């Protein structure tokens, strides 16, 4: 079974680096640069994990709500990455039933290990 990750982040640099690091681990990832693009991709492909940069747009929570309401995507683990290091944001996100919350700057080793844990344990 192929394990796949959807990365939703408007930062081209972070996307390329994370995608290449995952590929070195044998993990396929697809990048979406907007929530609209992500929804389109999710309608056609199944994923094991979604990595979402919460700051990609004002629709981050609307996007998350759509994921949690869909039978197809409601059980996919979601890892949030954000540059907005605010306690109230963290609490709001953690109340939504996400799998992890990561603040920037990104620790790529942590993310790789987290992904491997979700995929292989």
PDB file of N, CA and C in Angstrom:
ATOM      1  N   UNK A   1       0.842  -1.181   0.000  1.00  0.00           N
ATOM      2  CA  UNK A   1       0.000   0.000   0.000  1.00  0.00           C
ATOM      3  C   UNK A   1       0.882   1.238   0.000  1.00  0.00           C
ATOM      4  N   UNK A   2       0.645   2.133  -0.940  1.00  0.00           N
ATOM      5  CA  UNK A   2       1.387   3.380  -0.993  1.00  0.00           C
ATOM      6  C   UNK A   2       0.875   4.343   0.056  1.00  0.00           C
ATOM      7  N   UNK A   3       1.792   4.916   0.801  1.00  0.00           N
ATOM      8  CA  UNK A   3       1.456   5.920   1.805  1.00  0.00           C
ATOM      9  C   UNK A   3       1.640   7.282   1.163  1.00  0.00           C
ATOM     10  N   UNK A   4       0.627   8.142   1.304  1.00  0.00           N
ATOM     11  CA  UNK A   4       0.706   9.459   0.685  1.00  0.00           C
ATOM     12  C   UNK A   4       0.323  10.547   1.678  1.00  0.00           C
ATOM     13  N   UNK A   5       0.995  11.681   1.512  1.00  0.00           N
ATOM     14  CA  UNK A   5       0.746  12.844   2.349  1.00  0.00           C
ATOM     15  C   UNK A   5       0.374  14.016   1.462  1.00  0.00           C
ATOM     16  N   UNK A   6      -0.609  14.780   1.919  1.00  0.00           N
ATOM     17  CA  UNK A   6      -0.952  16.029   1.250  1.00  0.00           C
ATOM     18  C   UNK A   6      -0.383  17.166   2.087  1.00  0.00           C
ATOM     19  N   UNK A   7       0.431  18.001   1.449  1.00  0.00           N
ATOM     20  CA  UNK A   7       0.993  19.187   2.091  1.00  0.00           C
ATOM     21  C   UNK A   7       0.240  20.389   1.547  1.00  0.00           C
ATOM     22  N   UNK A   8      -0.397  21.145   2.439  1.00  0.00           N
ATOM     23  CA  UNK A   8      -1.145  22.336   2.035  1.00  0.00           C
ATOM     24  C   UNK A   8      -0.446  23.531   2.662  1.00  0.00           C
ATOM     25  N   UNK A   9       0.295  24.264   1.836  1.00  0.00           N
ATOM     26  CA  UNK A   9       1.121  25.357   2.348  1.00  0.00           C
ATOM     27  C   UNK A   9       1.487  26.258   1.178  1.00  0.00           C
ATOM     28  N   UNK A  10       1.389  27.558   1.373  1.00  0.00           N
ATOM     29  CA  UNK A  10       1.699  28.472   0.278  1.00  0.00           C
ATOM     30  C   UNK A  10       3.180  28.848   0.219  1.00  0.00           C
ATOM     31  N   UNK A  11       4.013  28.258   1.073  1.00  0.00           N
ATOM     32  CA  UNK A  11       5.446  28.534   1.063  1.00  0.00           C
ATOM     33  C   UNK A  11       6.155  27.529   0.166  1.00  0.00           C
ATOM     34  N   UNK A  12       6.558  27.969  -1.003  1.00  0.00           N
ATOM     35  CA  UNK A  12       7.232  27.073  -1.940  1.00  0.00           C
ATOM     36  C   UNK A  12       8.491  26.456  -1.372  1.00  0.00           C
ATOM     37  N   UNK A  13       9.269  27.233  -0.619  1.00  0.00           N
ATOM     38  CA  UNK A  13      10.511  26.727  -0.045  1.00  0.00           C
ATOM     39  C   UNK A  13      10.243  25.597   0.934  1.00  0.00           C
ATOM     40  N   UNK A  14       9.318  25.809   1.865  1.00  0.00           N
ATOM     41  CA  UNK A  14       8.992  24.764   2.836  1.00  0.00           C
ATOM     42  C   UNK A  14       8.447  23.523   2.149  1.00  0.00           C
ATOM     43  N   UNK A  15       7.594  23.722   1.153  1.00  0.00           N
ATOM     44  CA  UNK A  15       6.991  22.588   0.448  1.00  0.00           C
ATOM     45  C   UNK A  15       8.036  21.722  -0.240  1.00  0.00           C
ATOM     46  N   UNK A  16       8.946  22.353  -0.946  1.00  0.00           N
ATOM     47  CA  UNK A  16       9.967  21.617  -1.689  1.00  0.00           C
ATOM     48  C   UNK A  16      10.879  20.867  -0.726  1.00  0.00           C
ATOM     49  N   UNK A  17      11.305  21.537   0.337  1.00  0.00           N
ATOM     50  CA  UNK A  17      12.185  20.895   1.306  1.00  0.00           C
ATOM     51  C   UNK A  17      11.499  19.717   1.979  1.00  0.00           C
ATOM     52  N   UNK A  18      10.270  19.917   2.454  1.00  0.00           N
ATOM     53  CA  UNK A  18       9.545  18.842   3.124  1.00  0.00           C
ATOM     54  C   UNK A  18       9.266  17.688   2.162  1.00  0.00           C
ATOM     55  N   UNK A  19       8.848  18.010   0.958  1.00  0.00           N
ATOM     56  CA  UNK A  19       8.570  16.966  -0.035  1.00  0.00           C
ATOM     57  C   UNK A  19       9.813  16.129  -0.318  1.00  0.00           C
ATOM     58  N   UNK A  20      10.970  16.775  -0.474  1.00  0.00           N
ATOM     59  CA  UNK A  20      12.216  16.054  -0.748  1.00  0.00           C
ATOM     60  C   UNK A  20      12.654  15.214   0.445  1.00  0.00           C
ATOM     61  N   UNK A  21      12.498  15.736   1.656  1.00  0.00           N
ATOM     62  CA  UNK A  21      12.860  14.975   2.851  1.00  0.00           C
ATOM     63  C   UNK A  21      11.970  13.743   2.992  1.00  0.00           C
ATOM     64  N   UNK A  22      10.691  13.897   2.731  1.00  0.00           N
ATOM     65  CA  UNK A  22       9.770  12.758   2.789  1.00  0.00           C
ATOM     66  C   UNK A  22      10.111  11.728   1.712  1.00  0.00           C
ATOM     67  N   UNK A  23      10.430  12.189   0.532  1.00  0.00           N
ATOM     68  CA  UNK A  23      10.777  11.286  -0.566  1.00  0.00           C
ATOM     69  C   UNK A  23      12.009  10.443  -0.222  1.00  0.00           C
ATOM     70  N   UNK A  24      12.984  11.049   0.455  1.00  0.00           N
ATOM     71  CA  UNK A  24      14.167  10.295   0.888  1.00  0.00           C
ATOM     72  C   UNK A  24      13.792   9.171   1.843  1.00  0.00           C
ATOM     73  N   UNK A  25      12.675   9.319   2.522  1.00  0.00           N
ATOM     74  CA  UNK A  25      12.185   8.295   3.447  1.00  0.00           C
ATOM     75  C   UNK A  25      11.228   7.319   2.744  1.00  0.00           C
ATOM     76  N   UNK A  26      11.044   7.505   1.429  1.00  0.00           N
ATOM     77  CA  UNK A  26      10.157   6.641   0.669  1.00  0.00           C
ATOM     78  C   UNK A  26       8.689   7.010   0.790  1.00  0.00           C
ATOM     79  N   UNK A  27       8.416   8.232   1.205  1.00  0.00           N
ATOM     80  CA  UNK A  27       7.040   8.684   1.420  1.00  0.00           C
ATOM     81  C   UNK A  27       6.662   9.678   0.326  1.00  0.00           C
ATOM     82  N   UNK A  28       5.589   9.377  -0.379  1.00  0.00           N
ATOM     83  CA  UNK A  28       5.107  10.225  -1.466  1.00  0.00           C
ATOM     84  C   UNK A  28       4.283  11.365  -0.893  1.00  0.00           C
ATOM     85  N   UNK A  29       4.535  12.566  -1.388  1.00  0.00           N
ATOM     86  CA  UNK A  29       3.714  13.701  -0.971  1.00  0.00           C
ATOM     87  C   UNK A  29       3.306  14.518  -2.183  1.00  0.00           C
ATOM     88  N   UNK A  30       2.149  15.100  -2.066  1.00  0.00           N
ATOM     89  CA  UNK A  30       1.624  15.990  -3.099  1.00  0.00           C
ATOM     90  C   UNK A  30       1.408  17.338  -2.436  1.00  0.00           C
ATOM     91  N   UNK A  31       1.730  18.398  -3.152  1.00  0.00           N
ATOM     92  CA  UNK A  31       1.637  19.745  -2.600  1.00  0.00           C
ATOM     93  C   UNK A  31       0.456  20.486  -3.199  1.00  0.00           C
ATOM     94  N   UNK A  32      -0.294  21.158  -2.333  1.00  0.00           N
ATOM     95  CA  UNK A  32      -1.350  22.087  -2.752  1.00  0.00           C
ATOM     96  C   UNK A  32      -0.979  23.453  -2.188  1.00  0.00           C
ATOM     97  N   UNK A  33      -1.110  24.481  -2.994  1.00  0.00           N
ATOM     98  CA  UNK A  33      -0.717  25.822  -2.581  1.00  0.00           C
ATOM     99  C   UNK A  33      -1.893  26.663  -2.092  1.00  0.00           C
ATOM    100  N   UNK A  34      -3.085  26.062  -2.042  1.00  0.00           N
ATOM    101  CA  UNK A  34      -4.272  26.756  -1.532  1.00  0.00           C
ATOM    102  C   UNK A  34      -5.261  25.706  -1.032  1.00  0.00           C
ATOM    103  N   UNK A  35      -6.224  26.159  -0.238  1.00  0.00           N
ATOM    104  CA  UNK A  35      -7.241  25.224   0.238  1.00  0.00           C
ATOM    105  C   UNK A  35      -8.130  24.754  -0.909  1.00  0.00           C
ATOM    106  N   UNK A  36      -8.385  25.627  -1.877  1.00  0.00           N
ATOM    107  CA  UNK A  36      -9.200  25.229  -3.034  1.00  0.00           C
ATOM    108  C   UNK A  36      -8.502  24.124  -3.816  1.00  0.00           C
ATOM    109  N   UNK A  37      -7.217  24.285  -4.041  1.00  0.00           N
ATOM    110  CA  UNK A  37      -6.446  23.251  -4.747  1.00  0.00           C
ATOM    111  C   UNK A  37      -6.437  21.959  -3.930  1.00  0.00           C
ATOM    112  N   UNK A  38      -6.295  22.075  -2.614  1.00  0.00           N
ATOM    113  CA  UNK A  38      -6.284  20.894  -1.745  1.00  0.00           C
ATOM    114  C   UNK A  38      -7.606  20.140  -1.823  1.00  0.00           C
ATOM    115  N   UNK A  39      -8.717  20.859  -1.791  1.00  0.00           N
ATOM    116  CA  UNK A  39     -10.030  20.203  -1.880  1.00  0.00           C
ATOM    117  C   UNK A  39     -10.190  19.471  -3.208  1.00  0.00           C
ATOM    118  N   UNK A  40      -9.689  20.072  -4.278  1.00  0.00           N
ATOM    119  CA  UNK A  40      -9.750  19.427  -5.585  1.00  0.00           C
ATOM    120  C   UNK A  40      -8.916  18.139  -5.585  1.00  0.00           C
ATOM    121  N   UNK A  41      -7.723  18.208  -5.048  1.00  0.00           N
ATOM    122  CA  UNK A  41      -6.853  17.029  -4.984  1.00  0.00           C
ATOM    123  C   UNK A  41      -7.484  15.952  -4.104  1.00  0.00           C
ATOM    124  N   UNK A  42      -8.038  16.352  -2.967  1.00  0.00           N
ATOM    125  CA  UNK A  42      -8.655  15.392  -2.045  1.00  0.00           C
ATOM    126  C   UNK A  42      -9.882  14.706  -2.652  1.00  0.00           C
ATOM    127  N   UNK A  43     -10.524  15.368  -3.606  1.00  0.00           N
ATOM    128  CA  UNK A  43     -11.688  14.755  -4.245  1.00  0.00           C
ATOM    129  C   UNK A  43     -11.289  13.616  -5.187  1.00  0.00           C
ATOM    130  N   UNK A  44      -9.998  13.568  -5.546  1.00  0.00           N
ATOM    131  CA  UNK A  44      -9.524  12.584  -6.520  1.00  0.00           C
ATOM    132  C   UNK A  44      -8.552  11.551  -5.950  1.00  0.00           C
ATOM    133  N   UNK A  45      -7.949  11.855  -4.806  1.00  0.00           N
ATOM    134  CA  UNK A  45      -6.875  11.016  -4.275  1.00  0.00           C
ATOM    135  C   UNK A  45      -7.055  10.822  -2.778  1.00  0.00           C
ATOM    136  N   UNK A  46      -6.728   9.634  -2.305  1.00  0.00           N
ATOM    137  CA  UNK A  46      -6.767   9.353  -0.869  1.00  0.00           C
ATOM    138  C   UNK A  46      -5.403   9.616  -0.255  1.00  0.00           C
ATOM    139  N   UNK A  47      -5.406  10.138   0.963  1.00  0.00           N
ATOM    140  CA  UNK A  47      -4.165  10.444   1.665  1.00  0.00           C
ATOM    141  C   UNK A  47      -4.191   9.848   3.055  1.00  0.00           C
ATOM    142  N   UNK A  48      -2.984   9.597   3.587  1.00  0.00           N
ATOM    143  CA  UNK A  48      -2.843   9.059   4.935  1.00  0.00           C
ATOM    144  C   UNK A  48      -2.687  10.158   5.977  1.00  0.00           C
ATOM    145  N   UNK A  49      -2.140  11.302   5.575  1.00  0.00           N
ATOM    146  CA  UNK A  49      -1.919  12.442   6.477  1.00  0.00           C
ATOM    147  C   UNK A  49      -2.053  13.724   5.667  1.00  0.00           C
ATOM    148  N   UNK A  50      -2.520  14.780   6.341  1.00  0.00           N
ATOM    149  CA  UNK A  50      -2.543  16.115   5.753  1.00  0.00           C
ATOM    150  C   UNK A  50      -1.701  17.016   6.644  1.00  0.00           C
ATOM    151  N   UNK A  51      -0.745  17.708   6.039  1.00  0.00           N
ATOM    152  CA  UNK A  51       0.036  18.719   6.739  1.00  0.00           C
ATOM    153  C   UNK A  51      -0.461  20.067   6.244  1.00  0.00           C
ATOM    154  N   UNK A  52      -0.981  20.874   7.153  1.00  0.00           N
ATOM    155  CA  UNK A  52      -1.651  22.123   6.785  1.00  0.00           C
ATOM    156  C   UNK A  52      -0.995  23.303   7.469  1.00  0.00           C
ATOM    157  N   UNK A  53      -0.545  24.263   6.665  1.00  0.00           N
ATOM    158  CA  UNK A  53      -0.060  25.525   7.204  1.00  0.00           C
ATOM    159  C   UNK A  53      -1.282  26.393   7.439  1.00  0.00           C
ATOM    160  N   UNK A  54      -1.608  26.645   8.679  1.00  0.00           N
ATOM    161  CA  UNK A  54      -2.829  27.370   9.027  1.00  0.00           C
ATOM    162  C   UNK A  54      -2.881  28.779   8.459  1.00  0.00           C
ATOM    163  N   UNK A  55      -1.748  29.377   8.204  1.00  0.00           N
ATOM    164  CA  UNK A  55      -1.738  30.751   7.716  1.00  0.00           C
ATOM    165  C   UNK A  55      -1.904  30.867   6.208  1.00  0.00           C
ATOM    166  N   UNK A  56      -2.204  29.776   5.517  1.00  0.00           N
ATOM    167  CA  UNK A  56      -2.287  29.844   4.058  1.00  0.00           C
ATOM    168  C   UNK A  56      -3.375  30.784   3.576  1.00  0.00           C
ATOM    169  N   UNK A  57      -4.426  30.942   4.369  1.00  0.00           N
ATOM    170  CA  UNK A  57      -5.491  31.861   3.988  1.00  0.00           C
ATOM    171  C   UNK A  57      -6.424  32.045   5.170  1.00  0.00           C
ATOM    172  N   UNK A  58      -7.345  32.954   5.032  1.00  0.00           N
ATOM    173  CA  UNK A  58      -8.338  33.158   6.089  1.00  0.00           C
ATOM    174  C   UNK A  58      -9.313  31.996   6.161  1.00  0.00           C
ATOM    175  N   UNK A  59      -9.239  31.088   5.216  1.00  0.00           N
ATOM    176  CA  UNK A  59     -10.187  29.976   5.158  1.00  0.00           C
ATOM    177  C   UNK A  59      -9.648  28.697   5.791  1.00  0.00           C
ATOM    178  N   UNK A  60      -8.574  28.794   6.555  1.00  0.00           N
ATOM    179  CA  UNK A  60      -7.985  27.605   7.173  1.00  0.00           C
ATOM    180  C   UNK A  60      -8.968  26.828   8.019  1.00  0.00           C
ATOM    181  N   UNK A  61      -9.760  27.539   8.837  1.00  0.00           N
ATOM    182  CA  UNK A  61     -10.723  26.847   9.691  1.00  0.00           C
ATOM    183  C   UNK A  61     -11.930  26.350   8.900  1.00  0.00           C
ATOM    184  N   UNK A  62     -12.311  27.051   7.867  1.00  0.00           N
ATOM    185  CA  UNK A  62     -13.392  26.583   6.990  1.00  0.00           C
ATOM    186  C   UNK A  62     -12.946  25.300   6.290  1.00  0.00           C
ATOM    187  N   UNK A  63     -11.710  25.293   5.828  1.00  0.00           N
ATOM    188  CA  UNK A  63     -11.135  24.112   5.185  1.00  0.00           C
ATOM    189  C   UNK A  63     -11.127  22.933   6.152  1.00  0.00           C
ATOM    190  N   UNK A  64     -10.666  23.171   7.364  1.00  0.00           N
ATOM    191  CA  UNK A  64     -10.629  22.105   8.366  1.00  0.00           C
ATOM    192  C   UNK A  64     -12.025  21.581   8.656  1.00  0.00           C
ATOM    193  N   UNK A  65     -12.992  22.470   8.745  1.00  0.00           N
ATOM    194  CA  UNK A  65     -14.374  22.063   8.989  1.00  0.00           C
ATOM    195  C   UNK A  65     -14.882  21.166   7.858  1.00  0.00           C
ATOM    196  N   UNK A  66     -14.549  21.518   6.626  1.00  0.00           N
ATOM    197  CA  UNK A  66     -14.955  20.690   5.481  1.00  0.00           C
ATOM    198  C   UNK A  66     -14.324  19.300   5.566  1.00  0.00           C
ATOM    199  N   UNK A  67     -13.062  19.259   5.972  1.00  0.00           N
ATOM    200  CA  UNK A  67     -12.384  17.965   6.103  1.00  0.00           C
ATOM    201  C   UNK A  67     -13.040  17.113   7.173  1.00  0.00           C
ATOM    202  N   UNK A  68     -13.382  17.720   8.293  1.00  0.00           N
ATOM    203  CA  UNK A  68     -13.964  16.978   9.412  1.00  0.00           C
ATOM    204  C   UNK A  68     -15.408  16.550   9.142  1.00  0.00           C
ATOM    205  N   UNK A  69     -16.110  17.227   8.241  1.00  0.00           N
ATOM    206  CA  UNK A  69     -17.494  16.882   7.919  1.00  0.00           C
ATOM    207  C   UNK A  69     -17.599  15.830   6.816  1.00  0.00           C
ATOM    208  N   UNK A  70     -16.559  15.670   6.038  1.00  0.00           N
ATOM    209  CA  UNK A  70     -16.584  14.729   4.925  1.00  0.00           C
ATOM    210  C   UNK A  70     -16.289  13.311   5.415  1.00  0.00           C
ATOM    211  N   UNK A  71     -17.113  12.360   5.005  1.00  0.00           N
ATOM    212  CA  UNK A  71     -16.879  10.955   5.364  1.00  0.00           C
ATOM    213  C   UNK A  71     -15.533  10.473   4.836  1.00  0.00           C
ATOM    214  N   UNK A  72     -15.143  10.997   3.711  1.00  0.00           N
ATOM    215  CA  UNK A  72     -13.910  10.555   3.056  1.00  0.00           C
ATOM    216  C   UNK A  72     -12.646  11.051   3.769  1.00  0.00           C
ATOM    217  N   UNK A  73     -12.723  12.226   4.406  1.00  0.00           N
ATOM    218  CA  UNK A  73     -11.514  12.821   4.971  1.00  0.00           C
ATOM    219  C   UNK A  73     -11.545  13.009   6.486  1.00  0.00           C
ATOM    220  N   UNK A  74     -12.662  12.727   7.127  1.00  0.00           N
ATOM    221  CA  UNK A  74     -12.806  13.065   8.549  1.00  0.00           C
ATOM    222  C   UNK A  74     -11.822  12.355   9.468  1.00  0.00           C
ATOM    223  N   UNK A  75     -11.316  11.197   9.070  1.00  0.00           N
ATOM    224  CA  UNK A  75     -10.415  10.437   9.931  1.00  0.00           C
ATOM    225  C   UNK A  75      -8.941  10.565   9.555  1.00  0.00           C
ATOM    226  N   UNK A  76      -8.637  11.391   8.576  1.00  0.00           N
ATOM    227  CA  UNK A  76      -7.243  11.581   8.181  1.00  0.00           C
ATOM    228  C   UNK A  76      -6.550  12.433   9.245  1.00  0.00           C
ATOM    229  N   UNK A  77      -5.406  11.970   9.773  1.00  0.00           N
ATOM    230  CA  UNK A  77      -4.667  12.802  10.724  1.00  0.00           C
ATOM    231  C   UNK A  77      -4.236  14.120  10.076  1.00  0.00           C
ATOM    232  N   UNK A  78      -4.375  15.198  10.818  1.00  0.00           N
ATOM    233  CA  UNK A  78      -4.009  16.520  10.324  1.00  0.00           C
ATOM    234  C   UNK A  78      -2.965  17.115  11.258  1.00  0.00           C
ATOM    235  N   UNK A  79      -1.871  17.575  10.660  1.00  0.00           N
ATOM    236  CA  UNK A  79      -0.822  18.254  11.401  1.00  0.00           C
ATOM    237  C   UNK A  79      -0.847  19.715  10.974  1.00  0.00           C
ATOM    238  N   UNK A  80      -1.034  20.608  11.942  1.00  0.00           N
ATOM    239  CA  UNK A  80      -1.043  22.046  11.663  1.00  0.00           C
ATOM    240  C   UNK A  80       0.347  22.617  11.853  1.00  0.00           C
ATOM    241  N   UNK A  81       0.740  23.455  10.914  1.00  0.00           N
ATOM    242  CA  UNK A  81       1.977  24.231  11.032  1.00  0.00           C
ATOM    243  C   UNK A  81       1.570  25.694  10.945  1.00  0.00           C
ATOM    244  N   UNK A  82       2.084  26.503  11.851  1.00  0.00           N
ATOM    245  CA  UNK A  82       1.708  27.909  11.831  1.00  0.00           C
ATOM    246  C   UNK A  82       2.854  28.812  12.272  1.00  0.00           C
ATOM    247  N   UNK A  83       2.874  30.005  11.727  1.00  0.00           N
ATOM    248  CA  UNK A  83       3.819  31.043  12.158  1.00  0.00           C
ATOM    249  C   UNK A  83       3.167  31.937  13.209  1.00  0.00           C
ATOM    250  N   UNK A  84       1.880  31.773  13.410  1.00  0.00           N
ATOM    251  CA  UNK A  84       1.142  32.587  14.385  1.00  0.00           C
ATOM    252  C   UNK A  84       1.211  31.913  15.752  1.00  0.00           C
ATOM    253  N   UNK A  85       2.198  32.288  16.510  1.00  0.00           N
ATOM    254  CA  UNK A  85       2.440  31.660  17.806  1.00  0.00           C
ATOM    255  C   UNK A  85       1.614  32.340  18.897  1.00  0.00           C
ATOM    256  N   UNK A  86       0.316  32.134  18.838  1.00  0.00           N
ATOM    257  CA  UNK A  86      -0.601  32.743  19.802  1.00  0.00           C
ATOM    258  C   UNK A  86      -1.299  31.641  20.591  1.00  0.00           C
ATOM    259  N   UNK A  87      -1.304  31.748  21.925  1.00  0.00           N
ATOM    260  CA  UNK A  87      -1.940  30.710  22.748  1.00  0.00           C
ATOM    261  C   UNK A  87      -3.411  30.468  22.408  1.00  0.00           C
ATOM    262  N   UNK A  88      -4.161  31.536  22.098  1.00  0.00           N
ATOM    263  CA  UNK A  88      -5.587  31.354  21.790  1.00  0.00           C
ATOM    264  C   UNK A  88      -5.791  30.594  20.482  1.00  0.00           C
ATOM    265  N   UNK A  89      -4.902  30.802  19.519  1.00  0.00           N
ATOM    266  CA  UNK A  89      -4.971  30.061  18.259  1.00  0.00           C
ATOM    267  C   UNK A  89      -4.662  28.588  18.507  1.00  0.00           C
ATOM    268  N   UNK A  90      -3.629  28.339  19.284  1.00  0.00           N
ATOM    269  CA  UNK A  90      -3.257  26.961  19.585  1.00  0.00           C
ATOM    270  C   UNK A  90      -4.408  26.233  20.267  1.00  0.00           C
ATOM    271  N   UNK A  91      -5.060  26.879  21.228  1.00  0.00           N
ATOM    272  CA  UNK A  91      -6.169  26.245  21.938  1.00  0.00           C
ATOM    273  C   UNK A  91      -7.339  25.963  20.996  1.00  0.00           C
ATOM    274  N   UNK A  92      -7.634  26.926  20.114  1.00  0.00           N
ATOM    275  CA  UNK A  92      -8.730  26.754  19.151  1.00  0.00           C
ATOM    276  C   UNK A  92      -8.455  25.560  18.232  1.00  0.00           C
ATOM    277  N   UNK A  93      -7.224  25.466  17.755  1.00  0.00           N
ATOM    278  CA  UNK A  93      -6.850  24.379  16.849  1.00  0.00           C
ATOM    279  C   UNK A  93      -6.901  23.038  17.570  1.00  0.00           C
ATOM    280  N   UNK A  94      -6.366  22.978  18.772  1.00  0.00           N
ATOM    281  CA  UNK A  94      -6.346  21.720  19.506  1.00  0.00           C
ATOM    282  C   UNK A  94      -7.749  21.246  19.874  1.00  0.00           C
ATOM    283  N   UNK A  95      -8.697  22.163  19.988  1.00  0.00           N
ATOM    284  CA  UNK A  95     -10.089  21.797  20.283  1.00  0.00           C
ATOM    285  C   UNK A  95     -10.797  21.193  19.074  1.00  0.00           C
ATOM    286  N   UNK A  96     -10.192  21.256  17.904  1.00  0.00           N
ATOM    287  CA  UNK A  96     -10.831  20.780  16.674  1.00  0.00           C
ATOM    288  C   UNK A  96     -10.504  19.323  16.385  1.00  0.00           C
ATOM    289  N   UNK A  97      -9.719  18.684  17.206  1.00  0.00           N
ATOM    290  CA  UNK A  97      -9.360  17.287  16.996  1.00  0.00           C
ATOM    291  C   UNK A  97      -8.348  17.126  15.866  1.00  0.00           C
ATOM    292  N   UNK A  98      -7.233  17.825  16.003  1.00  0.00           N
ATOM    293  CA  UNK A  98      -6.130  17.631  15.072  1.00  0.00           C
ATOM    294  C   UNK A  98      -5.115  16.704  15.725  1.00  0.00           C
ATOM    295  N   UNK A  99      -4.186  16.222  14.938  1.00  0.00           N
ATOM    296  CA  UNK A  99      -3.207  15.262  15.440  1.00  0.00           C
ATOM    297  C   UNK A  99      -1.978  15.918  16.063  1.00  0.00           C
ATOM    298  N   UNK A 100      -1.573  17.068  15.537  1.00  0.00           N
ATOM    299  CA  UNK A 100      -0.445  17.785  16.122  1.00  0.00           C
ATOM    300  C   UNK A 100      -0.470  19.238  15.666  1.00  0.00           C
ATOM    301  N   UNK A 101       0.189  20.069  16.449  1.00  0.00           N
ATOM    302  CA  UNK A 101       0.263  21.515  16.230  1.00  0.00           C
ATOM    303  C   UNK A 101       1.731  21.894  16.303  1.00  0.00           C
ATOM    304  N   UNK A 102       2.273  22.439  15.214  1.00  0.00           N
ATOM    305  CA  UNK A 102       3.692  22.771  15.145  1.00  0.00           C
ATOM    306  C   UNK A 102       3.847  24.247  14.820  1.00  0.00           C
ATOM    307  N   UNK A 103       4.662  24.923  15.621  1.00  0.00           N
ATOM    308  CA  UNK A 103       4.927  26.336  15.376  1.00  0.00           C
ATOM    309  C   UNK A 103       6.219  26.485  14.580  1.00  0.00           C
ATOM    310  N   UNK A 104       6.232  27.489  13.702  1.00  0.00           N
ATOM    311  CA  UNK A 104       7.442  27.787  12.940  1.00  0.00           C
ATOM    312  C   UNK A 104       8.422  28.503  13.853  1.00  0.00           C
ATOM    313  N   UNK A 105       9.710  28.359  13.646  1.00  0.00           N
ATOM    314  CA  UNK A 105      10.345  27.710  12.500  1.00  0.00           C
ATOM    315  C   UNK A 105      10.174  26.195  12.578  1.00  0.00           C
ATOM    316  N   UNK A 106      10.072  25.604  11.417  1.00  0.00           N
ATOM    317  CA  UNK A 106       9.783  24.179  11.316  1.00  0.00           C
ATOM    318  C   UNK A 106      11.016  23.349  11.681  1.00  0.00           C
ATOM    319  N   UNK A 107      10.790  22.351  12.517  1.00  0.00           N
ATOM    320  CA  UNK A 107      11.808  21.352  12.812  1.00  0.00           C
ATOM    321  C   UNK A 107      11.487  20.162  11.902  1.00  0.00           C
ATOM    322  N   UNK A 108      12.175  20.089  10.775  1.00  0.00           N
ATOM    323  CA  UNK A 108      11.861  19.070   9.778  1.00  0.00           C
ATOM    324  C   UNK A 108      12.088  17.652  10.298  1.00  0.00           C
ATOM    325  N   UNK A 109      13.094  17.457  11.140  1.00  0.00           N
ATOM    326  CA  UNK A 109      13.312  16.119  11.709  1.00  0.00           C
ATOM    327  C   UNK A 109      12.109  15.685  12.536  1.00  0.00           C
ATOM    328  N   UNK A 110      11.551  16.608  13.296  1.00  0.00           N
ATOM    329  CA  UNK A 110      10.366  16.294  14.098  1.00  0.00           C
ATOM    330  C   UNK A 110       9.199  15.883  13.196  1.00  0.00           C
ATOM    331  N   UNK A 111       8.987  16.645  12.123  1.00  0.00           N
ATOM    332  CA  UNK A 111       7.877  16.338  11.214  1.00  0.00           C
ATOM    333  C   UNK A 111       8.080  14.985  10.546  1.00  0.00           C
ATOM    334  N   UNK A 112       9.292  14.696  10.087  1.00  0.00           N
ATOM    335  CA  UNK A 112       9.567  13.412   9.448  1.00  0.00           C
ATOM    336  C   UNK A 112       9.282  12.276  10.418  1.00  0.00           C
ATOM    337  N   UNK A 113       9.766  12.394  11.643  1.00  0.00           N
ATOM    338  CA  UNK A 113       9.528  11.351  12.645  1.00  0.00           C
ATOM    339  C   UNK A 113       8.048  11.218  12.977  1.00  0.00           C
ATOM    340  N   UNK A 114       7.349  12.332  13.060  1.00  0.00           N
ATOM    341  CA  UNK A 114       5.908  12.310  13.327  1.00  0.00           C
ATOM    342  C   UNK A 114       5.160  11.594  12.199  1.00  0.00           C
ATOM    343  N   UNK A 115       5.494  11.924  10.976  1.00  0.00           N
ATOM    344  CA  UNK A 115       4.860  11.297   9.811  1.00  0.00           C
ATOM    345  C   UNK A 115       5.114   9.791   9.821  1.00  0.00           C
ATOM    346  N   UNK A 116       6.344   9.398  10.070  1.00  0.00           N
ATOM    347  CA  UNK A 116       6.671   7.971  10.107  1.00  0.00           C
ATOM    348  C   UNK A 116       5.882   7.269  11.210  1.00  0.00           C
ATOM    349  N   UNK A 117       5.722   7.935  12.334  1.00  0.00           N
ATOM    350  CA  UNK A 117       4.947   7.349  13.428  1.00  0.00           C
ATOM    351  C   UNK A 117       3.498   7.128  13.015  1.00  0.00           C
ATOM    352  N   UNK A 118       2.897   8.113  12.366  1.00  0.00           N
ATOM    353  CA  UNK A 118       1.509   7.975  11.896  1.00  0.00           C
ATOM    354  C   UNK A 118       1.372   6.880  10.845  1.00  0.00           C
ATOM    355  N   UNK A 119       2.326   6.809   9.947  1.00  0.00           N
ATOM    356  CA  UNK A 119       2.222   5.889   8.825  1.00  0.00           C
ATOM    357  C   UNK A 119       2.567   4.447   9.171  1.00  0.00           C
ATOM    358  N   UNK A 120       3.508   4.251  10.061  1.00  0.00           N
ATOM    359  CA  UNK A 120       4.050   2.913  10.243  1.00  0.00           C
ATOM    360  C   UNK A 120       3.842   2.316  11.631  1.00  0.00           C
ATOM    361  N   UNK A 121       3.178   3.011  12.513  1.00  0.00           N
ATOM    362  CA  UNK A 121       2.908   2.453  13.855  1.00  0.00           C
ATOM    363  C   UNK A 121       1.447   2.201  14.068  1.00  0.00           C
TER     364      UNK A 121
END
